[in-house]
Amino acid sequence: DFLVLPGKIDFPSSEVTLTSKLTKNITLNAPFVSSPMDTVT
């Protein structure tokens, strides 16, 4: 239902860091979590 409007590019995409918190105490290097389903994980 929506889009994010573009900004200004003054850096290569390789400089973008994707670290993010999973919990208060655990940080991931990529914000990806696989679902606890018996046909997935």
PDB file of all heavy atoms in Angstrom:
ATOM      1  N   ASP A   1       0.795  -1.226   0.000  1.00  0.00           N
ATOM      2  CA  ASP A   1       0.000   0.000   0.000  1.00  0.00           C
ATOM      3  C   ASP A   1       0.830   1.280   0.000  1.00  0.00           C
ATOM      4  O   ASP A   1       0.267   2.375  -0.040  1.00  0.00           O
ATOM      5  CB  ASP A   1      -0.933   0.024   1.222  1.00  0.00           C
ATOM      6  CG  ASP A   1      -2.025  -1.029   1.133  1.00  0.00           C
ATOM      7  OD1 ASP A   1      -2.499  -1.282   0.007  1.00  0.00           O
ATOM      8  OD2 ASP A   1      -2.391  -1.597   2.170  1.00  0.00           O
ATOM      9  N   PHE A   2       2.149   1.174   0.077  1.00  0.00           N
ATOM     10  CA  PHE A   2       2.967   2.390   0.121  1.00  0.00           C
ATOM     11  C   PHE A   2       4.356   2.137  -0.457  1.00  0.00           C
ATOM     12  O   PHE A   2       4.776   0.992  -0.648  1.00  0.00           O
ATOM     13  CB  PHE A   2       3.083   2.916   1.556  1.00  0.00           C
ATOM     14  CG  PHE A   2       3.856   2.020   2.490  1.00  0.00           C
ATOM     15  CD1 PHE A   2       5.215   2.214   2.695  1.00  0.00           C
ATOM     16  CD2 PHE A   2       3.236   0.985   3.168  1.00  0.00           C
ATOM     17  CE1 PHE A   2       5.945   1.399   3.552  1.00  0.00           C
ATOM     18  CE2 PHE A   2       3.948   0.151   4.024  1.00  0.00           C
ATOM     19  CZ  PHE A   2       5.303   0.370   4.217  1.00  0.00           C
ATOM     20  N   LEU A   3       5.066   3.217  -0.715  1.00  0.00           N
ATOM     21  CA  LEU A   3       6.452   3.180  -1.168  1.00  0.00           C
ATOM     22  C   LEU A   3       7.292   4.109  -0.297  1.00  0.00           C
ATOM     23  O   LEU A   3       6.768   5.058   0.297  1.00  0.00           O
ATOM     24  CB  LEU A   3       6.574   3.643  -2.627  1.00  0.00           C
ATOM     25  CG  LEU A   3       6.072   2.695  -3.713  1.00  0.00           C
ATOM     26  CD1 LEU A   3       6.094   3.403  -5.064  1.00  0.00           C
ATOM     27  CD2 LEU A   3       6.912   1.428  -3.767  1.00  0.00           C
ATOM     28  N   VAL A   4       8.594   3.846  -0.243  1.00  0.00           N
ATOM     29  CA  VAL A   4       9.530   4.754   0.401  1.00  0.00           C
ATOM     30  C   VAL A   4      10.097   5.657  -0.689  1.00  0.00           C
ATOM     31  O   VAL A   4      10.515   5.179  -1.743  1.00  0.00           O
ATOM     32  CB  VAL A   4      10.674   3.981   1.086  1.00  0.00           C
ATOM     33  CG1 VAL A   4      11.559   4.941   1.877  1.00  0.00           C
ATOM     34  CG2 VAL A   4      10.123   2.891   2.003  1.00  0.00           C
ATOM     35  N   LEU A   5      10.105   6.944  -0.462  1.00  0.00           N
ATOM     36  CA  LEU A   5      10.622   7.870  -1.467  1.00  0.00           C
ATOM     37  C   LEU A   5      12.155   7.825  -1.496  1.00  0.00           C
ATOM     38  O   LEU A   5      12.795   7.665  -0.458  1.00  0.00           O
ATOM     39  CB  LEU A   5      10.150   9.291  -1.176  1.00  0.00           C
ATOM     40  CG  LEU A   5       8.637   9.523  -1.279  1.00  0.00           C
ATOM     41  CD1 LEU A   5       8.320  11.008  -1.113  1.00  0.00           C
ATOM     42  CD2 LEU A   5       8.083   9.020  -2.604  1.00  0.00           C
ATOM     43  N   PRO A   6      12.750   7.976  -2.670  1.00  0.00           N
ATOM     44  CA  PRO A   6      14.212   7.911  -2.784  1.00  0.00           C
ATOM     45  C   PRO A   6      14.894   9.130  -2.179  1.00  0.00           C
ATOM     46  O   PRO A   6      14.313  10.214  -2.088  1.00  0.00           O
ATOM     47  CB  PRO A   6      14.451   7.846  -4.298  1.00  0.00           C
ATOM     48  CG  PRO A   6      13.226   8.481  -4.887  1.00  0.00           C
ATOM     49  CD  PRO A   6      12.098   8.145  -3.978  1.00  0.00           C
ATOM     50  N   GLY A   7      16.155   8.932  -1.768  1.00  0.00           N
ATOM     51  CA  GLY A   7      16.973  10.029  -1.245  1.00  0.00           C
ATOM     52  C   GLY A   7      18.132  10.309  -2.178  1.00  0.00           C
ATOM     53  O   GLY A   7      18.016  10.149  -3.397  1.00  0.00           O
ATOM     54  N   LYS A   8      19.268  10.693  -1.625  1.00  0.00           N
ATOM     55  CA  LYS A   8      20.445  11.027  -2.427  1.00  0.00           C
ATOM     56  C   LYS A   8      21.500   9.932  -2.283  1.00  0.00           C
ATOM     57  O   LYS A   8      21.817   9.508  -1.177  1.00  0.00           O
ATOM     58  CB  LYS A   8      21.033  12.368  -1.981  1.00  0.00           C
ATOM     59  CG  LYS A   8      22.228  12.816  -2.826  1.00  0.00           C
ATOM     60  CD  LYS A   8      22.754  14.156  -2.368  1.00  0.00           C
ATOM     61  CE  LYS A   8      23.930  14.622  -3.232  1.00  0.00           C
ATOM     62  NZ  LYS A   8      24.442  15.948  -2.815  1.00  0.00           N
ATOM     63  N   ILE A   9      22.040   9.500  -3.404  1.00  0.00           N
ATOM     64  CA  ILE A   9      23.082   8.470  -3.402  1.00  0.00           C
ATOM     65  C   ILE A   9      24.447   9.149  -3.479  1.00  0.00           C
ATOM     66  O   ILE A   9      24.755   9.825  -4.457  1.00  0.00           O
ATOM     67  CB  ILE A   9      22.913   7.508  -4.587  1.00  0.00           C
ATOM     68  CG1 ILE A   9      21.580   6.753  -4.499  1.00  0.00           C
ATOM     69  CG2 ILE A   9      24.082   6.517  -4.636  1.00  0.00           C
ATOM     70  CD1 ILE A   9      21.300   5.860  -5.696  1.00  0.00           C
ATOM     71  N   ASP A  10      25.257   8.986  -2.442  1.00  0.00           N
ATOM     72  CA  ASP A  10      26.630   9.490  -2.469  1.00  0.00           C
ATOM     73  C   ASP A  10      27.592   8.457  -1.874  1.00  0.00           C
ATOM     74  O   ASP A  10      28.617   8.802  -1.292  1.00  0.00           O
ATOM     75  CB  ASP A  10      26.735  10.827  -1.731  1.00  0.00           C
ATOM     76  CG  ASP A  10      26.224  10.758  -0.299  1.00  0.00           C
ATOM     77  OD1 ASP A  10      25.893   9.634   0.162  1.00  0.00           O
ATOM     78  OD2 ASP A  10      26.143  11.809   0.357  1.00  0.00           O
ATOM     79  N   PHE A  11      27.241   7.165  -2.028  1.00  0.00           N
ATOM     80  CA  PHE A  11      28.065   6.070  -1.517  1.00  0.00           C
ATOM     81  C   PHE A  11      27.701   4.796  -2.268  1.00  0.00           C
ATOM     82  O   PHE A  11      26.586   4.666  -2.780  1.00  0.00           O
ATOM     83  CB  PHE A  11      27.818   5.863  -0.010  1.00  0.00           C
ATOM     84  CG  PHE A  11      26.364   5.639   0.329  1.00  0.00           C
ATOM     85  CD1 PHE A  11      25.818   4.358   0.366  1.00  0.00           C
ATOM     86  CD2 PHE A  11      25.530   6.728   0.605  1.00  0.00           C
ATOM     87  CE1 PHE A  11      24.483   4.154   0.667  1.00  0.00           C
ATOM     88  CE2 PHE A  11      24.195   6.524   0.911  1.00  0.00           C
ATOM     89  CZ  PHE A  11      23.663   5.237   0.941  1.00  0.00           C
ATOM     90  N   PRO A  12      28.625   3.847  -2.377  1.00  0.00           N
ATOM     91  CA  PRO A  12      28.312   2.568  -3.037  1.00  0.00           C
ATOM     92  C   PRO A  12      27.451   1.688  -2.129  1.00  0.00           C
ATOM     93  O   PRO A  12      27.509   1.798  -0.903  1.00  0.00           O
ATOM     94  CB  PRO A  12      29.686   1.941  -3.268  1.00  0.00           C
ATOM     95  CG  PRO A  12      30.554   2.539  -2.216  1.00  0.00           C
ATOM     96  CD  PRO A  12      30.038   3.943  -1.983  1.00  0.00           C
ATOM     97  N   SER A  13      26.667   0.812  -2.715  1.00  0.00           N
ATOM     98  CA  SER A  13      25.780  -0.049  -1.929  1.00  0.00           C
ATOM     99  C   SER A  13      26.563  -0.975  -1.005  1.00  0.00           C
ATOM    100  O   SER A  13      26.058  -1.385   0.048  1.00  0.00           O
ATOM    101  CB  SER A  13      24.886  -0.880  -2.856  1.00  0.00           C
ATOM    102  OG  SER A  13      25.669  -1.756  -3.654  1.00  0.00           O
ATOM    103  N   SER A  14      27.799  -1.291  -1.364  1.00  0.00           N
ATOM    104  CA  SER A  14      28.607  -2.194  -0.544  1.00  0.00           C
ATOM    105  C   SER A  14      28.922  -1.601   0.828  1.00  0.00           C
ATOM    106  O   SER A  14      29.296  -2.334   1.747  1.00  0.00           O
ATOM    107  CB  SER A  14      29.912  -2.542  -1.265  1.00  0.00           C
ATOM    108  OG  SER A  14      30.652  -1.370  -1.563  1.00  0.00           O
ATOM    109  N   GLU A  15      28.780  -0.291   0.983  1.00  0.00           N
ATOM    110  CA  GLU A  15      29.047   0.346   2.265  1.00  0.00           C
ATOM    111  C   GLU A  15      27.882   0.221   3.245  1.00  0.00           C
ATOM    112  O   GLU A  15      28.022   0.551   4.418  1.00  0.00           O
ATOM    113  CB  GLU A  15      29.376   1.832   2.068  1.00  0.00           C
ATOM    114  CG  GLU A  15      30.748   2.088   1.474  1.00  0.00           C
ATOM    115  CD  GLU A  15      31.110   3.565   1.465  1.00  0.00           C
ATOM    116  OE1 GLU A  15      30.356   4.379   2.066  1.00  0.00           O
ATOM    117  OE2 GLU A  15      32.133   3.913   0.850  1.00  0.00           O
ATOM    118  N   VAL A  16      26.739  -0.227   2.773  1.00  0.00           N
ATOM    119  CA  VAL A  16      25.566  -0.323   3.636  1.00  0.00           C
ATOM    120  C   VAL A  16      25.730  -1.506   4.593  1.00  0.00           C
ATOM    121  O   VAL A  16      25.960  -2.640   4.159  1.00  0.00           O
ATOM    122  CB  VAL A  16      24.279  -0.499   2.815  1.00  0.00           C
ATOM    123  CG1 VAL A  16      23.070  -0.685   3.741  1.00  0.00           C
ATOM    124  CG2 VAL A  16      24.066   0.699   1.901  1.00  0.00           C
ATOM    125  N   THR A  17      25.629  -1.262   5.887  1.00  0.00           N
ATOM    126  CA  THR A  17      25.713  -2.336   6.883  1.00  0.00           C
ATOM    127  C   THR A  17      24.313  -2.742   7.302  1.00  0.00           C
ATOM    128  O   THR A  17      23.445  -1.894   7.514  1.00  0.00           O
ATOM    129  CB  THR A  17      26.513  -1.888   8.118  1.00  0.00           C
ATOM    130  OG1 THR A  17      25.890  -0.731   8.683  1.00  0.00           O
ATOM    131  CG2 THR A  17      27.935  -1.535   7.739  1.00  0.00           C
ATOM    132  N   LEU A  18      24.111  -4.040   7.434  1.00  0.00           N
ATOM    133  CA  LEU A  18      22.781  -4.571   7.719  1.00  0.00           C
ATOM    134  C   LEU A  18      22.687  -5.211   9.099  1.00  0.00           C
ATOM    135  O   LEU A  18      21.791  -6.004   9.353  1.00  0.00           O
ATOM    136  CB  LEU A  18      22.387  -5.592   6.644  1.00  0.00           C
ATOM    137  CG  LEU A  18      22.371  -5.070   5.201  1.00  0.00           C
ATOM    138  CD1 LEU A  18      21.881  -6.164   4.257  1.00  0.00           C
ATOM    139  CD2 LEU A  18      21.504  -3.826   5.063  1.00  0.00           C
ATOM    140  N   THR A  19      23.617  -4.878   9.986  1.00  0.00           N
ATOM    141  CA  THR A  19      23.538  -5.416  11.347  1.00  0.00           C
ATOM    142  C   THR A  19      22.290  -4.880  12.035  1.00  0.00           C
ATOM    143  O   THR A  19      21.916  -3.720  11.854  1.00  0.00           O
ATOM    144  CB  THR A  19      24.773  -5.038  12.174  1.00  0.00           C
ATOM    145  OG1 THR A  19      24.927  -3.618  12.167  1.00  0.00           O
ATOM    146  CG2 THR A  19      26.017  -5.680  11.604  1.00  0.00           C
ATOM    147  N   SER A  20      21.663  -5.732  12.825  1.00  0.00           N
ATOM    148  CA  SER A  20      20.434  -5.334  13.509  1.00  0.00           C
ATOM    149  C   SER A  20      20.192  -6.251  14.698  1.00  0.00           C
ATOM    150  O   SER A  20      20.663  -7.390  14.729  1.00  0.00           O
ATOM    151  CB  SER A  20      19.246  -5.395  12.544  1.00  0.00           C
ATOM    152  OG  SER A  20      18.141  -4.691  13.063  1.00  0.00           O
ATOM    153  N   LYS A  21      19.443  -5.760  15.654  1.00  0.00           N
ATOM    154  CA  LYS A  21      19.159  -6.516  16.870  1.00  0.00           C
ATOM    155  C   LYS A  21      18.053  -7.557  16.635  1.00  0.00           C
ATOM    156  O   LYS A  21      17.009  -7.255  16.054  1.00  0.00           O
ATOM    157  CB  LYS A  21      18.703  -5.575  17.986  1.00  0.00           C
ATOM    158  CG  LYS A  21      19.800  -4.708  18.576  1.00  0.00           C
ATOM    159  CD  LYS A  21      20.567  -5.488  19.641  1.00  0.00           C
ATOM    160  CE  LYS A  21      21.498  -4.599  20.437  1.00  0.00           C
ATOM    161  NZ  LYS A  21      22.246  -5.359  21.452  1.00  0.00           N
ATOM    162  N   LEU A  22      18.304  -8.765  17.098  1.00  0.00           N
ATOM    163  CA  LEU A  22      17.254  -9.787  17.154  1.00  0.00           C
ATOM    164  C   LEU A  22      16.518  -9.673  18.478  1.00  0.00           C
ATOM    165  O   LEU A  22      15.290  -9.723  18.529  1.00  0.00           O
ATOM    166  CB  LEU A  22      17.862 -11.181  17.009  1.00  0.00           C
ATOM    167  CG  LEU A  22      16.882 -12.343  17.177  1.00  0.00           C
ATOM    168  CD1 LEU A  22      15.955 -12.434  15.971  1.00  0.00           C
ATOM    169  CD2 LEU A  22      17.636 -13.666  17.382  1.00  0.00           C
ATOM    170  N   THR A  23      17.295  -9.561  19.547  1.00  0.00           N
ATOM    171  CA  THR A  23      16.762  -9.375  20.892  1.00  0.00           C
ATOM    172  C   THR A  23      17.584  -8.287  21.578  1.00  0.00           C
ATOM    173  O   THR A  23      18.491  -7.713  20.979  1.00  0.00           O
ATOM    174  CB  THR A  23      16.851 -10.672  21.718  1.00  0.00           C
ATOM    175  OG1 THR A  23      18.242 -10.978  21.942  1.00  0.00           O
ATOM    176  CG2 THR A  23      16.180 -11.844  21.013  1.00  0.00           C
ATOM    177  N   LYS A  24      17.298  -8.047  22.838  1.00  0.00           N
ATOM    178  CA  LYS A  24      18.074  -7.062  23.588  1.00  0.00           C
ATOM    179  C   LYS A  24      19.560  -7.401  23.598  1.00  0.00           C
ATOM    180  O   LYS A  24      20.418  -6.517  23.602  1.00  0.00           O
ATOM    181  CB  LYS A  24      17.574  -6.994  25.039  1.00  0.00           C
ATOM    182  CG  LYS A  24      16.198  -6.392  25.213  1.00  0.00           C
ATOM    183  CD  LYS A  24      15.818  -6.415  26.685  1.00  0.00           C
ATOM    184  CE  LYS A  24      14.434  -5.832  26.921  1.00  0.00           C
ATOM    185  NZ  LYS A  24      14.050  -5.889  28.360  1.00  0.00           N
ATOM    186  N   ASN A  25      19.881  -8.701  23.582  1.00  0.00           N
ATOM    187  CA  ASN A  25      21.263  -9.140  23.781  1.00  0.00           C
ATOM    188  C   ASN A  25      21.913  -9.800  22.573  1.00  0.00           C
ATOM    189  O   ASN A  25      23.088 -10.124  22.613  1.00  0.00           O
ATOM    190  CB  ASN A  25      21.319 -10.116  24.965  1.00  0.00           C
ATOM    191  CG  ASN A  25      20.728  -9.522  26.227  1.00  0.00           C
ATOM    192  OD1 ASN A  25      21.159  -8.467  26.678  1.00  0.00           O
ATOM    193  ND2 ASN A  25      19.729 -10.178  26.798  1.00  0.00           N
ATOM    194  N   ILE A  26      21.158 -10.017  21.501  1.00  0.00           N
ATOM    195  CA  ILE A  26      21.684 -10.725  20.333  1.00  0.00           C
ATOM    196  C   ILE A  26      21.591  -9.825  19.114  1.00  0.00           C
ATOM    197  O   ILE A  26      20.523  -9.310  18.785  1.00  0.00           O
ATOM    198  CB  ILE A  26      20.929 -12.038  20.077  1.00  0.00           C
ATOM    199  CG1 ILE A  26      21.111 -13.001  21.248  1.00  0.00           C
ATOM    200  CG2 ILE A  26      21.408 -12.690  18.784  1.00  0.00           C
ATOM    201  CD1 ILE A  26      20.302 -14.286  21.120  1.00  0.00           C
ATOM    202  N   THR A  27      22.729  -9.644  18.428  1.00  0.00           N
ATOM    203  CA  THR A  27      22.793  -8.849  17.203  1.00  0.00           C
ATOM    204  C   THR A  27      23.146  -9.758  16.039  1.00  0.00           C
ATOM    205  O   THR A  27      24.028 -10.610  16.145  1.00  0.00           O
ATOM    206  CB  THR A  27      23.842  -7.730  17.333  1.00  0.00           C
ATOM    207  OG1 THR A  27      23.471  -6.865  18.415  1.00  0.00           O
ATOM    208  CG2 THR A  27      23.922  -6.915  16.059  1.00  0.00           C
ATOM    209  N   LEU A  28      22.462  -9.571  14.921  1.00  0.00           N
ATOM    210  CA  LEU A  28      22.729 -10.337  13.709  1.00  0.00           C
ATOM    211  C   LEU A  28      23.403  -9.446  12.674  1.00  0.00           C
ATOM    212  O   LEU A  28      23.210  -8.231  12.655  1.00  0.00           O
ATOM    213  CB  LEU A  28      21.421 -10.883  13.122  1.00  0.00           C
ATOM    214  CG  LEU A  28      20.556 -11.757  14.031  1.00  0.00           C
ATOM    215  CD1 LEU A  28      19.275 -12.162  13.296  1.00  0.00           C
ATOM    216  CD2 LEU A  28      21.315 -12.989  14.493  1.00  0.00           C
ATOM    217  N   ASN A  29      24.182 -10.054  11.789  1.00  0.00           N
ATOM    218  CA  ASN A  29      24.809  -9.312  10.697  1.00  0.00           C
ATOM    219  C   ASN A  29      23.883  -9.135   9.506  1.00  0.00           C
ATOM    220  O   ASN A  29      24.173  -8.350   8.600  1.00  0.00           O
ATOM    221  CB  ASN A  29      26.094 -10.014  10.257  1.00  0.00           C
ATOM    222  CG  ASN A  29      27.198  -9.863  11.280  1.00  0.00           C
ATOM    223  OD1 ASN A  29      27.379  -8.807  11.867  1.00  0.00           O
ATOM    224  ND2 ASN A  29      27.942 -10.934  11.515  1.00  0.00           N
ATOM    225  N   ALA A  30      22.789  -9.864   9.483  1.00  0.00           N
ATOM    226  CA  ALA A  30      21.762  -9.721   8.457  1.00  0.00           C
ATOM    227  C   ALA A  30      20.406  -9.889   9.145  1.00  0.00           C
ATOM    228  O   ALA A  30      20.255 -10.776   9.989  1.00  0.00           O
ATOM    229  CB  ALA A  30      21.933 -10.764   7.361  1.00  0.00           C
ATOM    230  N   PRO A  31      19.400  -9.082   8.807  1.00  0.00           N
ATOM    231  CA  PRO A  31      18.136  -9.078   9.560  1.00  0.00           C
ATOM    232  C   PRO A  31      17.161 -10.170   9.132  1.00  0.00           C
ATOM    233  O   PRO A  31      15.966  -9.933   9.016  1.00  0.00           O
ATOM    234  CB  PRO A  31      17.568  -7.684   9.246  1.00  0.00           C
ATOM    235  CG  PRO A  31      18.012  -7.432   7.845  1.00  0.00           C
ATOM    236  CD  PRO A  31      19.398  -8.057   7.738  1.00  0.00           C
ATOM    237  N   PHE A  32      17.672 -11.378   8.898  1.00  0.00           N
ATOM    238  CA  PHE A  32      16.864 -12.453   8.340  1.00  0.00           C
ATOM    239  C   PHE A  32      16.679 -13.583   9.348  1.00  0.00           C
ATOM    240  O   PHE A  32      17.654 -14.109   9.888  1.00  0.00           O
ATOM    241  CB  PHE A  32      17.511 -13.010   7.067  1.00  0.00           C
ATOM    242  CG  PHE A  32      17.831 -11.958   6.040  1.00  0.00           C
ATOM    243  CD1 PHE A  32      19.055 -11.971   5.371  1.00  0.00           C
ATOM    244  CD2 PHE A  32      16.926 -10.958   5.740  1.00  0.00           C
ATOM    245  CE1 PHE A  32      19.364 -11.009   4.422  1.00  0.00           C
ATOM    246  CE2 PHE A  32      17.216  -9.984   4.790  1.00  0.00           C
ATOM    247  CZ  PHE A  32      18.437 -10.010   4.134  1.00  0.00           C
ATOM    248  N   VAL A  33      15.433 -13.986   9.560  1.00  0.00           N
ATOM    249  CA  VAL A  33      15.091 -15.048  10.499  1.00  0.00           C
ATOM    250  C   VAL A  33      14.182 -16.037   9.786  1.00  0.00           C
ATOM    251  O   VAL A  33      13.192 -15.631   9.156  1.00  0.00           O
ATOM    252  CB  VAL A  33      14.370 -14.481  11.742  1.00  0.00           C
ATOM    253  CG1 VAL A  33      14.118 -15.581  12.775  1.00  0.00           C
ATOM    254  CG2 VAL A  33      15.155 -13.324  12.347  1.00  0.00           C
ATOM    255  N   SER A  34      14.501 -17.320   9.864  1.00  0.00           N
ATOM    256  CA  SER A  34      13.630 -18.322   9.246  1.00  0.00           C
ATOM    257  C   SER A  34      12.579 -18.778  10.250  1.00  0.00           C
ATOM    258  O   SER A  34      12.839 -18.912  11.438  1.00  0.00           O
ATOM    259  CB  SER A  34      14.437 -19.520   8.732  1.00  0.00           C
ATOM    260  OG  SER A  34      15.020 -20.254   9.791  1.00  0.00           O
ATOM    261  N   SER A  35      11.376 -18.992   9.745  1.00  0.00           N
ATOM    262  CA  SER A  35      10.210 -19.266  10.582  1.00  0.00           C
ATOM    263  C   SER A  35      10.241 -20.680  11.173  1.00  0.00           C
ATOM    264  O   SER A  35      10.664 -21.624  10.505  1.00  0.00           O
ATOM    265  CB  SER A  35       8.943 -19.089   9.750  1.00  0.00           C
ATOM    266  OG  SER A  35       7.794 -19.278  10.535  1.00  0.00           O
ATOM    267  N   PRO A  36       9.745 -20.836  12.416  1.00  0.00           N
ATOM    268  CA  PRO A  36       9.707 -22.176  13.040  1.00  0.00           C
ATOM    269  C   PRO A  36       8.536 -23.000  12.519  1.00  0.00           C
ATOM    270  O   PRO A  36       7.574 -23.285  13.227  1.00  0.00           O
ATOM    271  CB  PRO A  36       9.553 -21.854  14.530  1.00  0.00           C
ATOM    272  CG  PRO A  36       8.816 -20.558  14.564  1.00  0.00           C
ATOM    273  CD  PRO A  36       9.298 -19.787  13.371  1.00  0.00           C
ATOM    274  N   MET A  37       8.618 -23.395  11.267  1.00  0.00           N
ATOM    275  CA  MET A  37       7.586 -24.207  10.619  1.00  0.00           C
ATOM    276  C   MET A  37       8.210 -25.519  10.177  1.00  0.00           C
ATOM    277  O   MET A  37       9.388 -25.549   9.796  1.00  0.00           O
ATOM    278  CB  MET A  37       6.997 -23.449   9.422  1.00  0.00           C
ATOM    279  CG  MET A  37       6.470 -22.064   9.780  1.00  0.00           C
ATOM    280  SD  MET A  37       6.033 -21.064   8.345  1.00  0.00           S
ATOM    281  CE  MET A  37       4.535 -21.890   7.838  1.00  0.00           C
ATOM    282  N   ASP A  38       7.431 -26.583  10.218  1.00  0.00           N
ATOM    283  CA  ASP A  38       8.024 -27.892   9.937  1.00  0.00           C
ATOM    284  C   ASP A  38       8.315 -28.126   8.462  1.00  0.00           C
ATOM    285  O   ASP A  38       8.888 -29.156   8.098  1.00  0.00           O
ATOM    286  CB  ASP A  38       7.182 -29.026  10.527  1.00  0.00           C
ATOM    287  CG  ASP A  38       5.787 -29.123   9.919  1.00  0.00           C
ATOM    288  OD1 ASP A  38       5.481 -28.349   8.988  1.00  0.00           O
ATOM    289  OD2 ASP A  38       4.997 -29.970  10.388  1.00  0.00           O
ATOM    290  N   THR A  39       7.933 -27.190   7.596  1.00  0.00           N
ATOM    291  CA  THR A  39       8.343 -27.262   6.192  1.00  0.00           C
ATOM    292  C   THR A  39       9.332 -26.148   5.851  1.00  0.00           C
ATOM    293  O   THR A  39       9.585 -25.883   4.674  1.00  0.00           O
ATOM    294  CB  THR A  39       7.112 -27.166   5.257  1.00  0.00           C
ATOM    295  OG1 THR A  39       6.329 -26.023   5.639  1.00  0.00           O
ATOM    296  CG2 THR A  39       6.262 -28.416   5.357  1.00  0.00           C
ATOM    297  N   VAL A  40       9.892 -25.502   6.894  1.00  0.00           N
ATOM    298  CA  VAL A  40      10.854 -24.415   6.662  1.00  0.00           C
ATOM    299  C   VAL A  40      12.160 -24.638   7.413  1.00  0.00           C
ATOM    300  O   VAL A  40      13.236 -24.653   6.815  1.00  0.00           O
ATOM    301  CB  VAL A  40      10.251 -23.039   7.041  1.00  0.00           C
ATOM    302  CG1 VAL A  40      11.300 -21.929   6.877  1.00  0.00           C
ATOM    303  CG2 VAL A  40       9.027 -22.739   6.199  1.00  0.00           C
ATOM    304  N   THR A  41      12.091 -24.802   8.741  1.00  0.00           N
ATOM    305  CA  THR A  41      13.343 -24.774   9.512  1.00  0.00           C
ATOM    306  C   THR A  41      13.586 -26.016  10.353  1.00  0.00           C
ATOM    307  O   THR A  41      12.888 -26.275  11.337  1.00  0.00           O
ATOM    308  CB  THR A  41      13.384 -23.540  10.432  1.00  0.00           C
ATOM    309  OG1 THR A  41      13.107 -22.367   9.677  1.00  0.00           O
ATOM    310  CG2 THR A  41      14.769 -23.393  11.061  1.00  0.00           C
TER     311      THR A  41
END
